[in-house]
PDB file of N, CA and C in Angstrom:
ATOM      1  N   MET A   1      86.819-163.175  38.246  1.00  0.00           N
ATOM      2  CA  MET A   1      87.235-162.132  37.260  1.00  0.00           C
ATOM      3  C   MET A   1      86.379-160.926  37.405  1.00  0.00           C
ATOM      4  N   ALA A   2      85.125-161.049  37.297  1.00  0.00           N
ATOM      5  CA  ALA A   2      84.270-159.812  37.371  1.00  0.00           C
ATOM      6  C   ALA A   2      84.323-159.223  38.832  1.00  0.00           C
ATOM      7  N   LYS A   3      84.562-160.215  39.832  1.00  0.00           N
ATOM      8  CA  LYS A   3      84.614-159.708  41.180  1.00  0.00           C
ATOM      9  C   LYS A   3      85.804-158.744  41.459  1.00  0.00           C
ATOM     10  N   HIS A   4      86.914-159.005  40.716  1.00  0.00           N
ATOM     11  CA  HIS A   4      88.093-158.090  40.846  1.00  0.00           C
ATOM     12  C   HIS A   4      87.801-156.683  40.205  1.00  0.00           C
ATOM     13  N   ALA A   5      87.166-156.633  39.124  1.00  0.00           N
ATOM     14  CA  ALA A   5      86.648-155.410  38.456  1.00  0.00           C
ATOM     15  C   ALA A   5      85.640-154.588  39.417  1.00  0.00           C
ATOM     16  N   ALA A   6      84.779-155.327  39.979  1.00  0.00           N
ATOM     17  CA  ALA A   6      83.862-154.750  40.875  1.00  0.00           C
ATOM     18  C   ALA A   6      84.446-154.021  42.106  1.00  0.00           C
ATOM     19  N   GLU A   7      85.744-154.617  42.417  1.00  0.00           N
ATOM     20  CA  GLU A   7      86.367-154.251  43.744  1.00  0.00           C
ATOM     21  C   GLU A   7      87.032-152.939  43.457  1.00  0.00           C
ATOM     22  N   ALA A   8      87.295-152.565  42.213  1.00  0.00           N
ATOM     23  CA  ALA A   8      88.011-151.205  41.949  1.00  0.00           C
ATOM     24  C   ALA A   8      87.223-150.029  42.529  1.00  0.00           C
ATOM     25  N   SER A   9      88.006-149.222  43.166  1.00  0.00           N
ATOM     26  CA  SER A   9      87.517-148.173  43.918  1.00  0.00           C
ATOM     27  C   SER A   9      87.251-146.874  43.034  1.00  0.00           C
ATOM     28  N   PRO A  10      86.064-146.186  43.022  1.00  0.00           N
ATOM     29  CA  PRO A  10      85.852-145.075  42.190  1.00  0.00           C
ATOM     30  C   PRO A  10      86.711-143.859  42.774  1.00  0.00           C
ATOM     31  N   PHE A  11      87.256-144.014  43.869  1.00  0.00           N
ATOM     32  CA  PHE A  11      88.057-143.001  44.557  1.00  0.00           C
ATOM     33  C   PHE A  11      89.493-142.948  44.065  1.00  0.00           C
ATOM     34  N   LYS A  12      89.898-143.891  43.314  1.00  0.00           N
ATOM     35  CA  LYS A  12      91.271-143.932  42.902  1.00  0.00           C
ATOM     36  C   LYS A  12      91.682-142.620  42.037  1.00  0.00           C
ATOM     37  N   PHE A  13      90.778-142.225  41.148  1.00  0.00           N
ATOM     38  CA  PHE A  13      91.107-141.048  40.378  1.00  0.00           C
ATOM     39  C   PHE A  13      91.000-139.760  41.110  1.00  0.00           C
ATOM     40  N   VAL A  14      90.146-139.803  42.178  1.00  0.00           N
ATOM     41  CA  VAL A  14      90.017-138.614  43.022  1.00  0.00           C
ATOM     42  C   VAL A  14      91.294-138.556  43.881  1.00  0.00           C
ATOM     43  N   ALA A  15      91.784-139.588  44.388  1.00  0.00           N
ATOM     44  CA  ALA A  15      93.015-139.626  45.195  1.00  0.00           C
ATOM     45  C   ALA A  15      94.190-139.147  44.344  1.00  0.00           C
ATOM     46  N   ILE A  16      94.307-139.735  43.144  1.00  0.00           N
ATOM     47  CA  ILE A  16      95.469-139.240  42.372  1.00  0.00           C
ATOM     48  C   ILE A  16      95.433-137.728  41.936  1.00  0.00           C
ATOM     49  N   ALA A  17      94.117-137.202  41.758  1.00  0.00           N
ATOM     50  CA  ALA A  17      93.925-135.717  41.549  1.00  0.00           C
ATOM     51  C   ALA A  17      94.387-134.947  42.655  1.00  0.00           C
ATOM     52  N   ALA A  18      94.091-135.504  43.863  1.00  0.00           N
ATOM     53  CA  ALA A  18      94.505-134.832  45.117  1.00  0.00           C
ATOM     54  C   ALA A  18      95.991-134.794  45.428  1.00  0.00           C
ATOM     55  N   ALA A  19      96.640-136.001  45.034  1.00  0.00           N
ATOM     56  CA  ALA A  19      98.095-135.972  45.115  1.00  0.00           C
ATOM     57  C   ALA A  19      98.753-135.147  44.131  1.00  0.00           C
ATOM     58  N   ARG A  20      98.280-134.928  42.917  1.00  0.00           N
ATOM     59  CA  ARG A  20      98.817-134.079  42.023  1.00  0.00           C
ATOM     60  C   ARG A  20      98.562-132.558  42.481  1.00  0.00           C
ATOM     61  N   ALA A  21      97.456-132.227  43.015  1.00  0.00           N
ATOM     62  CA  ALA A  21      97.182-130.922  43.502  1.00  0.00           C
ATOM     63  C   ALA A  21      98.138-130.530  44.610  1.00  0.00           C
ATOM     64  N   ALA A  22      98.357-131.590  45.479  1.00  0.00           N
ATOM     65  CA  ALA A  22      99.437-131.254  46.594  1.00  0.00           C
ATOM     66  C   ALA A  22     100.799-131.040  45.975  1.00  0.00           C
ATOM     67  N   TYR A  23     101.138-131.759  44.858  1.00  0.00           N
ATOM     68  CA  TYR A  23     102.421-131.502  44.372  1.00  0.00           C
ATOM     69  C   TYR A  23     102.465-130.180  43.678  1.00  0.00           C
ATOM     70  N   ASP A  24     101.480-129.917  43.114  1.00  0.00           N
ATOM     71  CA  ASP A  24     101.503-128.478  42.315  1.00  0.00           C
ATOM     72  C   ASP A  24     101.665-127.303  43.389  1.00  0.00           C
ATOM     73  N   LYS A  25     101.402-127.531  44.578  1.00  0.00           N
ATOM     74  CA  LYS A  25     101.442-126.441  45.579  1.00  0.00           C
ATOM     75  C   LYS A  25     102.708-126.798  46.513  1.00  0.00           C
ATOM     76  N   LYS A  26     103.630-127.646  45.950  1.00  0.00           N
ATOM     77  CA  LYS A  26     105.002-127.863  46.752  1.00  0.00           C
ATOM     78  C   LYS A  26     104.805-128.684  47.925  1.00  0.00           C
ATOM     79  N   GLY A  27     103.770-129.506  48.035  1.00  0.00           N
ATOM     80  CA  GLY A  27     103.646-130.450  49.076  1.00  0.00           C
ATOM     81  C   GLY A  27     104.827-131.280  49.217  1.00  0.00           C
ATOM     82  N   GLU A  28     105.239-131.687  50.395  1.00  0.00           N
ATOM     83  CA  GLU A  28     106.592-132.637  50.553  1.00  0.00           C
ATOM     84  C   GLU A  28     106.132-133.963  50.943  1.00  0.00           C
ATOM     85  N   GLU A  29     106.928-134.815  50.690  1.00  0.00           N
ATOM     86  CA  GLU A  29     106.888-136.281  51.148  1.00  0.00           C
ATOM     87  C   GLU A  29     105.483-136.781  50.843  1.00  0.00           C
ATOM     88  N   ILE A  30     105.052-136.710  49.677  1.00  0.00           N
ATOM     89  CA  ILE A  30     103.519-136.982  49.265  1.00  0.00           C
ATOM     90  C   ILE A  30     103.507-138.557  49.125  1.00  0.00           C
ATOM     91  N   LEU A  31     102.644-139.161  50.012  1.00  0.00           N
ATOM     92  CA  LEU A  31     102.463-140.627  50.019  1.00  0.00           C
ATOM     93  C   LEU A  31     101.004-140.912  49.833  1.00  0.00           C
ATOM     94  N   LEU A  32     100.581-141.583  48.900  1.00  0.00           N
ATOM     95  CA  LEU A  32      99.116-142.120  48.636  1.00  0.00           C
ATOM     96  C   LEU A  32      99.169-143.542  48.857  1.00  0.00           C
ATOM     97  N   LEU A  33      98.309-144.001  49.808  1.00  0.00           N
ATOM     98  CA  LEU A  33      98.149-145.304  50.295  1.00  0.00           C
ATOM     99  C   LEU A  33      96.808-145.872  49.880  1.00  0.00           C
ATOM    100  N   ASN A  34      96.623-147.101  49.394  1.00  0.00           N
ATOM    101  CA  ASN A  34      95.398-147.756  49.246  1.00  0.00           C
ATOM    102  C   ASN A  34      95.165-148.512  50.466  1.00  0.00           C
ATOM    103  N   VAL A  35      94.248-147.911  51.322  1.00  0.00           N
ATOM    104  CA  VAL A  35      93.985-148.491  52.707  1.00  0.00           C
ATOM    105  C   VAL A  35      92.549-149.211  52.705  1.00  0.00           C
ATOM    106  N   ARG A  36      92.132-149.645  51.483  1.00  0.00           N
ATOM    107  CA  ARG A  36      90.738-150.128  51.439  1.00  0.00           C
ATOM    108  C   ARG A  36      90.677-151.407  52.213  1.00  0.00           C
ATOM    109  N   THR A  37      91.671-152.310  52.384  1.00  0.00           N
ATOM    110  CA  THR A  37      91.597-153.549  53.083  1.00  0.00           C
ATOM    111  C   THR A  37      91.994-153.391  54.474  1.00  0.00           C
ATOM    112  N   THR A  38      92.543-152.143  54.813  1.00  0.00           N
ATOM    113  CA  THR A  38      93.007-152.021  56.203  1.00  0.00           C
ATOM    114  C   THR A  38      92.164-151.005  57.042  1.00  0.00           C
ATOM    115  N   SER A  39      91.260-150.251  56.337  1.00  0.00           N
ATOM    116  CA  SER A  39      90.542-149.168  56.875  1.00  0.00           C
ATOM    117  C   SER A  39      89.097-149.239  56.514  1.00  0.00           C
ATOM    118  N   GLY A  40      88.315-149.137  57.597  1.00  0.00           N
ATOM    119  CA  GLY A  40      86.643-149.125  57.280  1.00  0.00           C
ATOM    120  C   GLY A  40      86.177-147.843  57.074  1.00  0.00           C
ATOM    121  N   VAL A  41      87.159-146.808  56.908  1.00  0.00           N
ATOM    122  CA  VAL A  41      86.778-145.468  56.800  1.00  0.00           C
ATOM    123  C   VAL A  41      86.929-144.981  55.396  1.00  0.00           C
ATOM    124  N   ALA A  42      87.958-145.300  54.686  1.00  0.00           N
ATOM    125  CA  ALA A  42      88.282-144.787  53.293  1.00  0.00           C
ATOM    126  C   ALA A  42      88.941-145.771  52.493  1.00  0.00           C
ATOM    127  N   ASP A  43      88.905-145.569  51.221  1.00  0.00           N
ATOM    128  CA  ASP A  43      89.702-146.490  50.297  1.00  0.00           C
ATOM    129  C   ASP A  43      91.209-146.012  50.120  1.00  0.00           C
ATOM    130  N   TYR A  44      91.355-144.670  50.191  1.00  0.00           N
ATOM    131  CA  TYR A  44      92.702-144.111  49.972  1.00  0.00           C
ATOM    132  C   TYR A  44      92.961-143.054  51.089  1.00  0.00           C
ATOM    133  N   MET A  45      94.214-143.065  51.422  1.00  0.00           N
ATOM    134  CA  MET A  45      94.792-142.011  52.355  1.00  0.00           C
ATOM    135  C   MET A  45      95.991-141.300  51.733  1.00  0.00           C
ATOM    136  N   LEU A  46      95.909-139.955  51.775  1.00  0.00           N
ATOM    137  CA  LEU A  46      96.989-139.187  51.170  1.00  0.00           C
ATOM    138  C   LEU A  46      97.667-138.493  52.364  1.00  0.00           C
ATOM    139  N   LEU A  47      99.023-138.611  52.505  1.00  0.00           N
ATOM    140  CA  LEU A  47      99.698-137.979  53.583  1.00  0.00           C
ATOM    141  C   LEU A  47     100.614-136.969  52.799  1.00  0.00           C
ATOM    142  N   VAL A  48     100.645-135.825  53.314  1.00  0.00           N
ATOM    143  CA  VAL A  48     101.458-134.639  52.786  1.00  0.00           C
ATOM    144  C   VAL A  48     102.039-133.837  53.885  1.00  0.00           C
ATOM    145  N   SER A  49     103.405-133.621  53.715  1.00  0.00           N
ATOM    146  CA  SER A  49     104.029-132.783  54.665  1.00  0.00           C
ATOM    147  C   SER A  49     104.023-131.358  54.268  1.00  0.00           C
ATOM    148  N   VAL A  50     103.759-130.437  55.244  1.00  0.00           N
ATOM    149  CA  VAL A  50     103.794-129.032  54.910  1.00  0.00           C
ATOM    150  C   VAL A  50     104.842-128.309  55.724  1.00  0.00           C
ATOM    151  N   THR A  51     105.279-127.104  55.294  1.00  0.00           N
ATOM    152  CA  THR A  51     106.277-126.488  55.915  1.00  0.00           C
ATOM    153  C   THR A  51     106.030-125.247  56.928  1.00  0.00           C
ATOM    154  N   SER A  52     104.677-124.853  56.800  1.00  0.00           N
ATOM    155  CA  SER A  52     104.239-123.825  57.686  1.00  0.00           C
ATOM    156  C   SER A  52     102.598-123.678  57.701  1.00  0.00           C
ATOM    157  N   PRO A  53     102.063-122.975  58.634  1.00  0.00           N
ATOM    158  CA  PRO A  53     100.576-122.930  58.582  1.00  0.00           C
ATOM    159  C   PRO A  53     100.071-122.267  57.195  1.00  0.00           C
ATOM    160  N   ALA A  54     100.767-121.314  56.659  1.00  0.00           N
ATOM    161  CA  ALA A  54     100.401-120.767  55.417  1.00  0.00           C
ATOM    162  C   ALA A  54     100.488-121.779  54.210  1.00  0.00           C
ATOM    163  N   HIS A  55     101.434-122.718  54.294  1.00  0.00           N
ATOM    164  CA  HIS A  55     101.626-123.686  53.325  1.00  0.00           C
ATOM    165  C   HIS A  55     100.478-124.729  53.451  1.00  0.00           C
ATOM    166  N   LEU A  56     100.059-125.032  54.718  1.00  0.00           N
ATOM    167  CA  LEU A  56      99.030-125.858  55.024  1.00  0.00           C
ATOM    168  C   LEU A  56      97.703-125.418  54.407  1.00  0.00           C
ATOM    169  N   GLU A  57      97.499-124.063  54.587  1.00  0.00           N
ATOM    170  CA  GLU A  57      96.293-123.432  54.090  1.00  0.00           C
ATOM    171  C   GLU A  57      96.180-123.433  52.559  1.00  0.00           C
ATOM    172  N   ALA A  58      97.395-123.212  51.978  1.00  0.00           N
ATOM    173  CA  ALA A  58      97.447-123.131  50.501  1.00  0.00           C
ATOM    174  C   ALA A  58      97.219-124.622  49.978  1.00  0.00           C
ATOM    175  N   LEU A  59      97.758-125.527  50.568  1.00  0.00           N
ATOM    176  CA  LEU A  59      97.451-126.975  50.160  1.00  0.00           C
ATOM    177  C   LEU A  59      96.115-127.386  50.242  1.00  0.00           C
ATOM    178  N   GLU A  60      95.455-127.106  51.379  1.00  0.00           N
ATOM    179  CA  GLU A  60      94.180-127.380  51.702  1.00  0.00           C
ATOM    180  C   GLU A  60      93.277-126.725  50.698  1.00  0.00           C
ATOM    181  N   SER A  61      93.416-125.567  50.374  1.00  0.00           N
ATOM    182  CA  SER A  61      92.640-124.751  49.530  1.00  0.00           C
ATOM    183  C   SER A  61      92.783-125.369  48.013  1.00  0.00           C
ATOM    184  N   GLU A  62      94.019-125.653  47.475  1.00  0.00           N
ATOM    185  CA  GLU A  62      94.291-126.286  46.270  1.00  0.00           C
ATOM    186  C   GLU A  62      93.675-127.622  46.157  1.00  0.00           C
ATOM    187  N   ILE A  63      93.683-128.466  47.059  1.00  0.00           N
ATOM    188  CA  ILE A  63      92.971-129.790  46.931  1.00  0.00           C
ATOM    189  C   ILE A  63      91.660-129.716  46.943  1.00  0.00           C
ATOM    190  N   GLU A  64      91.075-128.957  47.773  1.00  0.00           N
ATOM    191  CA  GLU A  64      89.618-128.706  47.931  1.00  0.00           C
ATOM    192  C   GLU A  64      89.082-128.161  46.602  1.00  0.00           C
ATOM    193  N   ASP A  65      89.639-127.171  46.010  1.00  0.00           N
ATOM    194  CA  ASP A  65      89.301-126.546  44.764  1.00  0.00           C
ATOM    195  C   ASP A  65      89.404-127.599  43.573  1.00  0.00           C
ATOM    196  N   THR A  66      90.502-128.281  43.563  1.00  0.00           N
ATOM    197  CA  THR A  66      90.712-129.195  42.424  1.00  0.00           C
ATOM    198  C   THR A  66      89.676-130.327  42.418  1.00  0.00           C
ATOM    199  N   LEU A  67      89.384-130.890  43.599  1.00  0.00           N
ATOM    200  CA  LEU A  67      88.311-131.895  43.639  1.00  0.00           C
ATOM    201  C   LEU A  67      86.998-131.305  43.486  1.00  0.00           C
ATOM    202  N   ALA A  68      86.653-130.155  43.921  1.00  0.00           N
ATOM    203  CA  ALA A  68      85.314-129.538  43.741  1.00  0.00           C
ATOM    204  C   ALA A  68      85.119-129.437  42.298  1.00  0.00           C
ATOM    205  N   LYS A  69      86.124-129.071  41.482  1.00  0.00           N
ATOM    206  CA  LYS A  69      85.962-128.889  39.961  1.00  0.00           C
ATOM    207  C   LYS A  69      85.546-130.291  39.321  1.00  0.00           C
ATOM    208  N   SER A  70      85.929-131.336  39.941  1.00  0.00           N
ATOM    209  CA  SER A  70      85.556-132.690  39.514  1.00  0.00           C
ATOM    210  C   SER A  70      84.259-133.135  40.051  1.00  0.00           C
ATOM    211  N   GLY A  71      83.596-132.416  40.868  1.00  0.00           N
ATOM    212  CA  GLY A  71      82.321-132.795  41.449  1.00  0.00           C
ATOM    213  C   GLY A  71      82.403-133.421  42.717  1.00  0.00           C
ATOM    214  N   VAL A  72      83.650-133.462  43.373  1.00  0.00           N
ATOM    215  CA  VAL A  72      83.839-134.149  44.657  1.00  0.00           C
ATOM    216  C   VAL A  72      83.856-133.074  45.710  1.00  0.00           C
ATOM    217  N   GLU A  73      82.826-133.171  46.541  1.00  0.00           N
ATOM    218  CA  GLU A  73      82.774-132.203  47.684  1.00  0.00           C
ATOM    219  C   GLU A  73      83.386-132.678  49.069  1.00  0.00           C
ATOM    220  N   LEU A  74      83.932-131.681  49.700  1.00  0.00           N
ATOM    221  CA  LEU A  74      84.545-131.998  51.014  1.00  0.00           C
ATOM    222  C   LEU A  74      83.392-132.305  51.973  1.00  0.00           C
ATOM    223  N   ARG A  75      83.447-133.582  52.674  1.00  0.00           N
ATOM    224  CA  ARG A  75      82.346-133.886  53.581  1.00  0.00           C
ATOM    225  C   ARG A  75      82.633-133.452  54.977  1.00  0.00           C
ATOM    226  N   HIS A  76      83.903-133.451  55.328  1.00  0.00           N
ATOM    227  CA  HIS A  76      84.249-132.990  56.775  1.00  0.00           C
ATOM    228  C   HIS A  76      85.695-132.473  56.813  1.00  0.00           C
ATOM    229  N   ARG A  77      85.918-131.540  57.713  1.00  0.00           N
ATOM    230  CA  ARG A  77      87.254-131.010  57.869  1.00  0.00           C
ATOM    231  C   ARG A  77      87.513-131.090  59.345  1.00  0.00           C
ATOM    232  N   ASP A  78      88.746-131.456  59.756  1.00  0.00           N
ATOM    233  CA  ASP A  78      89.126-131.576  61.118  1.00  0.00           C
ATOM    234  C   ASP A  78      90.454-130.864  61.329  1.00  0.00           C
ATOM    235  N   GLY A  79      90.661-130.085  62.371  1.00  0.00           N
ATOM    236  CA  GLY A  79      91.878-129.284  62.650  1.00  0.00           C
ATOM    237  C   GLY A  79      91.880-127.982  62.209  1.00  0.00           C
ATOM    238  N   SER A  80      90.770-127.378  61.973  1.00  0.00           N
ATOM    239  CA  SER A  80      90.639-126.054  61.378  1.00  0.00           C
ATOM    240  C   SER A  80      91.444-125.042  62.152  1.00  0.00           C
ATOM    241  N   HIS A  81      91.701-125.360  63.469  1.00  0.00           N
ATOM    242  CA  HIS A  81      92.346-124.332  64.398  1.00  0.00           C
ATOM    243  C   HIS A  81      93.790-124.679  64.513  1.00  0.00           C
ATOM    244  N   SER A  82      94.254-125.692  63.855  1.00  0.00           N
ATOM    245  CA  SER A  82      95.689-126.086  63.969  1.00  0.00           C
ATOM    246  C   SER A  82      96.440-125.686  62.832  1.00  0.00           C
ATOM    247  N   GLY A  83      97.592-125.255  63.131  1.00  0.00           N
ATOM    248  CA  GLY A  83      98.560-125.048  61.973  1.00  0.00           C
ATOM    249  C   GLY A  83      99.506-126.102  61.782  1.00  0.00           C
ATOM    250  N   LEU A  84      99.304-127.278  62.483  1.00  0.00           N
ATOM    251  CA  LEU A  84     100.173-128.299  62.298  1.00  0.00           C
ATOM    252  C   LEU A  84      99.577-129.515  61.480  1.00  0.00           C
ATOM    253  N   TRP A  85      98.312-129.770  61.586  1.00  0.00           N
ATOM    254  CA  TRP A  85      97.731-130.889  61.083  1.00  0.00           C
ATOM    255  C   TRP A  85      96.198-130.623  60.647  1.00  0.00           C
ATOM    256  N   ARG A  86      95.785-130.908  59.371  1.00  0.00           N
ATOM    257  CA  ARG A  86      94.546-130.848  58.898  1.00  0.00           C
ATOM    258  C   ARG A  86      94.115-132.084  58.202  1.00  0.00           C
ATOM    259  N   VAL A  87      92.804-132.542  58.559  1.00  0.00           N
ATOM    260  CA  VAL A  87      92.344-133.775  57.869  1.00  0.00           C
ATOM    261  C   VAL A  87      91.142-133.401  57.098  1.00  0.00           C
ATOM    262  N   LEU A  88      91.134-133.674  55.795  1.00  0.00           N
ATOM    263  CA  LEU A  88      90.041-133.608  54.836  1.00  0.00           C
ATOM    264  C   LEU A  88      89.472-134.810  54.431  1.00  0.00           C
ATOM    265  N   ASP A  89      88.163-134.962  54.700  1.00  0.00           N
ATOM    266  CA  ASP A  89      87.485-136.166  54.432  1.00  0.00           C
ATOM    267  C   ASP A  89      86.517-135.988  53.100  1.00  0.00           C
ATOM    268  N   PHE A  90      86.871-136.727  52.133  1.00  0.00           N
ATOM    269  CA  PHE A  90      86.158-136.667  50.871  1.00  0.00           C
ATOM    270  C   PHE A  90      85.343-137.951  50.608  1.00  0.00           C
ATOM    271  N   GLY A  91      85.124-138.660  51.598  1.00  0.00           N
ATOM    272  CA  GLY A  91      84.283-139.938  51.456  1.00  0.00           C
ATOM    273  C   GLY A  91      85.365-141.038  51.474  1.00  0.00           C
ATOM    274  N   GLY A  92      85.694-141.484  50.328  1.00  0.00           N
ATOM    275  CA  GLY A  92      86.576-142.589  50.221  1.00  0.00           C
ATOM    276  C   GLY A  92      88.142-142.120  50.140  1.00  0.00           C
ATOM    277  N   LEU A  93      88.179-140.875  50.364  1.00  0.00           N
ATOM    278  CA  LEU A  93      89.672-140.355  50.458  1.00  0.00           C
ATOM    279  C   LEU A  93      89.756-139.469  51.682  1.00  0.00           C
ATOM    280  N   LEU A  94      90.813-139.883  52.532  1.00  0.00           N
ATOM    281  CA  LEU A  94      91.214-138.898  53.615  1.00  0.00           C
ATOM    282  C   LEU A  94      92.488-138.322  53.254  1.00  0.00           C
ATOM    283  N   VAL A  95      92.631-137.118  53.497  1.00  0.00           N
ATOM    284  CA  VAL A  95      93.786-136.276  53.159  1.00  0.00           C
ATOM    285  C   VAL A  95      94.290-135.788  54.558  1.00  0.00           C
ATOM    286  N   HIS A  96      95.605-136.067  54.809  1.00  0.00           N
ATOM    287  CA  HIS A  96      96.254-135.592  56.089  1.00  0.00           C
ATOM    288  C   HIS A  96      97.382-134.626  55.612  1.00  0.00           C
ATOM    289  N   LEU A  97      97.192-133.314  55.957  1.00  0.00           N
ATOM    290  CA  LEU A  97      98.253-132.357  55.695  1.00  0.00           C
ATOM    291  C   LEU A  97      98.840-132.039  57.052  1.00  0.00           C
ATOM    292  N   MET A  98     100.157-132.318  57.137  1.00  0.00           N
ATOM    293  CA  MET A  98     100.797-132.470  58.462  1.00  0.00           C
ATOM    294  C   MET A  98     102.156-131.734  58.434  1.00  0.00           C
ATOM    295  N   HIS A  99     102.451-130.925  59.432  1.00  0.00           N
ATOM    296  CA  HIS A  99     103.717-130.352  59.536  1.00  0.00           C
ATOM    297  C   HIS A  99     104.574-131.618  59.884  1.00  0.00           C
ATOM    298  N   ALA A 100     106.001-131.441  59.417  1.00  0.00           N
ATOM    299  CA  ALA A 100     106.898-132.614  59.418  1.00  0.00           C
ATOM    300  C   ALA A 100     106.909-133.147  60.909  1.00  0.00           C
ATOM    301  N   GLU A 101     106.991-132.272  61.971  1.00  0.00           N
ATOM    302  CA  GLU A 101     107.054-132.641  63.266  1.00  0.00           C
ATOM    303  C   GLU A 101     105.874-133.585  63.705  1.00  0.00           C
ATOM    304  N   ALA A 102     104.717-132.983  63.372  1.00  0.00           N
ATOM    305  CA  ALA A 102     103.408-133.804  63.704  1.00  0.00           C
ATOM    306  C   ALA A 102     103.380-135.175  62.920  1.00  0.00           C
ATOM    307  N   ARG A 103     103.825-135.067  61.685  1.00  0.00           N
ATOM    308  CA  ARG A 103     103.828-136.397  60.949  1.00  0.00           C
ATOM    309  C   ARG A 103     104.843-137.332  61.528  1.00  0.00           C
ATOM    310  N   SER A 104     105.967-136.967  62.050  1.00  0.00           N
ATOM    311  CA  SER A 104     106.922-137.838  62.708  1.00  0.00           C
ATOM    312  C   SER A 104     106.283-138.388  63.943  1.00  0.00           C
ATOM    313  N   PHE A 105     105.643-137.431  64.837  1.00  0.00           N
ATOM    314  CA  PHE A 105     105.177-137.810  66.010  1.00  0.00           C
ATOM    315  C   PHE A 105     104.021-138.814  65.914  1.00  0.00           C
ATOM    316  N   TYR A 106     103.099-138.655  65.003  1.00  0.00           N
ATOM    317  CA  TYR A 106     101.893-139.540  64.876  1.00  0.00           C
ATOM    318  C   TYR A 106     102.119-140.687  64.103  1.00  0.00           C
ATOM    319  N   ALA A 107     103.181-140.671  63.231  1.00  0.00           N
ATOM    320  CA  ALA A 107     103.649-141.859  62.374  1.00  0.00           C
ATOM    321  C   ALA A 107     102.483-142.670  61.609  1.00  0.00           C
ATOM    322  N   LEU A 108     101.716-141.845  60.986  1.00  0.00           N
ATOM    323  CA  LEU A 108     100.656-142.615  60.250  1.00  0.00           C
ATOM    324  C   LEU A 108     101.305-143.517  59.132  1.00  0.00           C
ATOM    325  N   ASP A 109     102.512-142.967  58.604  1.00  0.00           N
ATOM    326  CA  ASP A 109     103.158-143.839  57.463  1.00  0.00           C
ATOM    327  C   ASP A 109     103.481-145.254  58.113  1.00  0.00           C
ATOM    328  N   LYS A 110     103.986-145.253  59.414  1.00  0.00           N
ATOM    329  CA  LYS A 110     104.324-146.584  59.988  1.00  0.00           C
ATOM    330  C   LYS A 110     103.045-147.400  60.355  1.00  0.00           C
ATOM    331  N   LEU A 111     101.996-146.647  60.826  1.00  0.00           N
ATOM    332  CA  LEU A 111     100.632-147.274  61.267  1.00  0.00           C
ATOM    333  C   LEU A 111     100.084-148.061  59.928  1.00  0.00           C
ATOM    334  N   TYR A 112     100.251-147.426  58.799  1.00  0.00           N
ATOM    335  CA  TYR A 112      99.744-147.991  57.675  1.00  0.00           C
ATOM    336  C   TYR A 112     100.755-148.660  56.735  1.00  0.00           C
ATOM    337  N   HIS A 113     101.855-149.137  57.214  1.00  0.00           N
ATOM    338  CA  HIS A 113     103.002-149.718  56.508  1.00  0.00           C
ATOM    339  C   HIS A 113     102.637-150.836  55.602  1.00  0.00           C
ATOM    340  N   ASP A 114     101.544-151.511  55.989  1.00  0.00           N
ATOM    341  CA  ASP A 114     101.166-152.695  55.076  1.00  0.00           C
ATOM    342  C   ASP A 114     100.321-152.319  53.888  1.00  0.00           C
ATOM    343  N   ALA A 115      99.804-151.108  53.899  1.00  0.00           N
ATOM    344  CA  ALA A 115      98.905-150.669  52.815  1.00  0.00           C
ATOM    345  C   ALA A 115      99.788-150.419  51.685  1.00  0.00           C
ATOM    346  N   PRO A 116      99.254-150.886  50.425  1.00  0.00           N
ATOM    347  CA  PRO A 116      99.989-150.740  49.146  1.00  0.00           C
ATOM    348  C   PRO A 116     100.057-149.223  48.847  1.00  0.00           C
ATOM    349  N   LYS A 117     101.254-148.798  48.327  1.00  0.00           N
ATOM    350  CA  LYS A 117     101.411-147.368  47.846  1.00  0.00           C
ATOM    351  C   LYS A 117     100.753-147.342  46.418  1.00  0.00           C
ATOM    352  N   GLN A 118      99.967-146.238  46.276  1.00  0.00           N
ATOM    353  CA  GLN A 118      99.379-146.069  44.949  1.00  0.00           C
ATOM    354  C   GLN A 118     100.219-144.999  44.135  1.00  0.00           C
ATOM    355  N   ARG A 119     100.569-145.343  42.995  1.00  0.00           N
ATOM    356  CA  ARG A 119     101.356-144.445  42.065  1.00  0.00           C
ATOM    357  C   ARG A 119     100.458-143.378  41.695  1.00  0.00           C
ATOM    358  N   TRP A 120     100.905-142.172  41.605  1.00  0.00           N
ATOM    359  CA  TRP A 120     100.048-141.029  41.206  1.00  0.00           C
ATOM    360  C   TRP A 120     100.858-140.129  40.153  1.00  0.00           C
ATOM    361  N   GLN A 121     102.173-140.278  40.032  1.00  0.00           N
ATOM    362  CA  GLN A 121     102.949-139.546  39.017  1.00  0.00           C
ATOM    363  C   GLN A 121     102.457-138.143  38.797  1.00  0.00           C
ATOM    364  N   THR A 122     103.288-137.225  38.615  1.00  0.00           N
ATOM    365  CA  THR A 122     102.971-135.897  38.205  1.00  0.00           C
ATOM    366  C   THR A 122     102.455-135.952  36.760  1.00  0.00           C
ATOM    367  N   LYS A 123     101.783-134.948  36.278  1.00  0.00           N
ATOM    368  CA  LYS A 123     101.242-134.878  34.951  1.00  0.00           C
ATOM    369  C   LYS A 123     102.394-134.866  33.914  1.00  0.00           C
ATOM    370  N   ALA A 124     103.476-134.225  34.263  1.00  0.00           N
ATOM    371  CA  ALA A 124     104.651-134.152  33.349  1.00  0.00           C
ATOM    372  C   ALA A 124     105.308-135.402  33.200  1.00  0.00           C
ATOM    373  N   ALA A 125     105.160-136.381  34.213  1.00  0.00           N
ATOM    374  CA  ALA A 125     105.753-137.682  34.067  1.00  0.00           C
ATOM    375  C   ALA A 125     104.849-138.507  33.345  1.00  0.00           C
TER     376      ALA A 125
END
């Protein structure tokens, strides 16, 4: 029993805050996965579709600012020169911001199909 409580990830609330920030900036097809048992890199993975390079930049900024206000700093960013895909590493949370074409091509949704989906509900819900 105590073991189950100890297994709870402190990144759950960070991941939910990031999903809500993506929603606030009109991110599309937001999918939050608990990849703790399938990934040695992170506890949660957030996949968000973007519609343009400007949309990608806006989402990236919103998520980074939202998490920074909670004391969670970005550890690494990859894809800074790409308008199609950006990866933000917050430690136990990886955020993939992807244009729909890149998301379809790389199919991370399918790669992690066994990972449980994490409910994140919008604040209004």
